[in-house]
Each structure stands twice: as C-alpha cells, then as structure tokens.
Amino acid sequence: MSLADKVLAVNNDLPIRTDQPVHSGKVRSVYWLTAEDSQRLIEEKGYDVAADAPLAIMVISDRISAFDCIWHGEGGMNGVPGKGAALNAISNHWFKLFKEQGLADSHILDIPHPFIWIVQKARPVMIEAIARQYITGSMWRAYDNGDREFCGITLPENLQNNIKLPELLITPSSKGILRGIPGVQEVDDVNVTRKNIEDNFAAFNFTAKEHIADYEKLLKEGFDLISGELAKLDQIFVDTKFEFGYVTDKAGNEKLIYMDEVGTPDSSRIWDGPAYREGKIVENSKEDFRQLLLSHFPDPDILLNKDRMEERSALAKDNALPEEVLMQISKTYTGIAEKIVGKPIVLSDNPKQEIIHILREQYNLIE
C-alpha cells in the first residue's frame, strides 16, 4: 500500500446515515444524524445532553489549506500523512485537561476513531477568540507600518518583532458576516472591539452581556493551561484561536463550551524553545508550511496579495508539491503531537474503511 493510500483526503463521501447535506469545510466534514439516530445514541451511550439534541459525526481529513487554498502533492498525495490524526489527538488532549481542571466542556461526546468525533450541536458565539502572547506575523507587519491600536487596545511604542507582549492580548474578530452592527464591517473575519461586543452582545450570539467576561475567562484560562503544558516541553505557545458555543445538558442547563479545535498547529503558532533562545524561529505549526510555500514559488506576492486570488487558486490547483515538502510538514504535525500526547501518531492503513467498520459495528450508523 502506498503512502498516498494512507492519506484521507476525501471525507464527505462516507455512507453515514443522514437526511441532510454533508457540510464539508477546509479540513472537516460534518454528517448530521437523523433525529432517530441522535435520540438512540443519547440513550444507548448515556451522553449528558438534552434527549432531543441533534448529534453529528465530524470527520477530519489530511487535507492541508494555506492562503485560502487546498494544496496537493505528487503521486496522488492529496494531503499530509498523519495530519488529521495529529490534530484530533492534540485537541482531545487539551479538551480532556480543560475538563479535568474544571474550565469547561467541549462539543465532543465520543471519540470512536482517531479521525472522528461524535459531537452535539451547539449555538456558536460569532467570535473568533484570538489570544496573542507574542507580536509576530500580520500583527507585527501592521505594527511596523505604524498601527498601534488593535481591537480597541493600544500597544506601547518600541516593540520588536517576535518579542513577548507585556500581557496576553485578546484580539477578537467576527465569525462569518454579521450585518447591522455599528462600526463592524459586513465581511468575514474582521477585527472587533470589546465595546462592539458589549453593545451588540445578542448579535454575537451571547445569551447575556455578562457572558462576555465568561468567554474571556475561558479563553485566558485555556491559553494559560496550554502555554504552561507546552513550556514543560520547552515549546512556546505564541498565539491561538478559540471558538465557543452554547449547549444544553440533560438537566436542561445552558452552558458555554469550547468548540472546534484547540491548541493545534492549525489554530495556533508554536515555537521551539531552544531555537528561540538562540534567536531563531522554528515553527511547529502550519506557519512552517506557509513559509515553505512562500519560498517554493518564485512570486510569493501571489500568495500574499488578496487581489491575486484567481492566480493563487490556479497555483494551488496546477502545482503538485514535491513529496518531500508534504513529508516535512507531516513531521512537523506528528512531531509536535507526539510531544504533547506522549505517544506515537500511528498512520492508519485504510482510515476510511476503519471508520466505516466502527460506525457500522459499534454505532449502527452506516447505510
């Protein structure tokens, strides 16, 4: 079996029983279960959710996106070996610690296979909750160009690239296009201030104004926990994105939870500690792949200039990356995952068939 066969690139064609269209994102596909299957699993498995809560199977893939494009490699390798399993393993690890430390639950109810989660439907808070411990990347470029205010927060003068900020900085942005909010552009992923959120908390899907402080508390606590654990591994937690939502438990209590993924190389920057102390930046995150792409193509402006999106899409579609590039990124993902979870990331020989077998035999969800 070739290495390409071990890559799960297409994850929206599984024969999972559903009566809704499969939602396929850049990396994950979501299969909403029928009301009957949701209720059956809640009862059979004893999940702590409302009896009529909609459940879904969330299937991760090994696809890799960067600069708003999906990339592929030579020899039919349409993803990065081990990437999906690494991302899920890292998120599972942090979610477990969050719960053990009394922070909050997540949307995950069950983990039948390294590539899949059984999740409950949540009402998302329409905020990309971003926390930054160091100034780097796009924030540094804006700062270097003279910007000093970010999401209503003013940074001091004389900061240098890649240095630690005086305190953890929360710079939220909108999740999706939000309409009719004064001072907030009607485009996806635009920076917002705390005052924007306070004045329009319902538009951001908060149940109550005081929950803004709750989400900030969970963001800071989650960041500090991950940062502390990574420090034990001599890794630096630079910045990250969290997402939050509301669910209702079996007793009818609404609660704020963590959603999506947390502390992964896709949602965070993680730097190697020893290299940083020597004045070098070694990325243990997707930023490493972004930098490889920028150095691989002769005109990196195509990747950075939003006005050249058509050229960029063609670049990703028409250029199969060398296998060694994808294997280097595989090493980045699996390497940091193995550090965090303390055990090897094992590549499945045939992940799709494994998923189908488990969901058929243990959950009765395959047509």
Foldseek 3Di string as FASTA:
>chain_A
DDLLQLFFQDDLPAQFDAPDHWDDDQWKIKGWHDQVLQLVCCVVVVFFAASRWIKIKIFTGQWDDDLRETFAAPPNNRGFFLQQLLQQLLQVLLQVVCVVVPQFHEQFRDDLDSGITIGTDFAWQFKFWKKFQWQEDPNVVVVVVPDQDAQNDGADPDDDHGDTGPDIDIWMFGRAAQPDQPPHDRGHGHTHHLVSCLVPVVSSVDPDSVCVVSVVVSVVVSQVVLQVLVVVVQKGFGMFTWIWGWGATHVGDIDIHTYDGTDALAGTWMFHRVQVVVVDTDTLHCVVVVVVVCVVDPDSVCSVPPVNVVVVNCCRVVDHHYPVSSNVNSCSSQVVSCSNNVHGSDRDSRVSVVVSVSCCPPSVRGD
